[in-house]
């Protein structure tokens, strides 16, 4: 049987964008393994002065958006055995391991009531 006489199976493709606003996150291998484990931990998102932070029980990752040179089309199956293009993604979120901040050797910082040297020198007249 020649290739020209073989039946070609066609898959219907529909354009049905939604307004969800999808983002793809590139996971480092160690985080992927952690999330696929039987005892996967709860992750938290927090804000910082420079970026959002994704926290696991023992690591912190900073989130950074980066543009991709090739768009990714997110597909969803349809009732007619086809596919629907629901979103075109042009940016991904990259996770970068954040440096660990050392804890002060004397334990957590205490509020001494002092507002610091700047306040003592310049803030009195305000």
Foldseek 3Di string as FASTA:
>chain_A
DDPVPDDDDDADEAEAADDPDDAAEDDDPVLVVLCPDPCRFDWDWDADPPAIWIDDPPWIWGKDKDFDPDKDFDWDADPVRHIYRHDIDGIHIYTDTDDDDDADPVGHDDCPVDPDDVCVVPVPVD
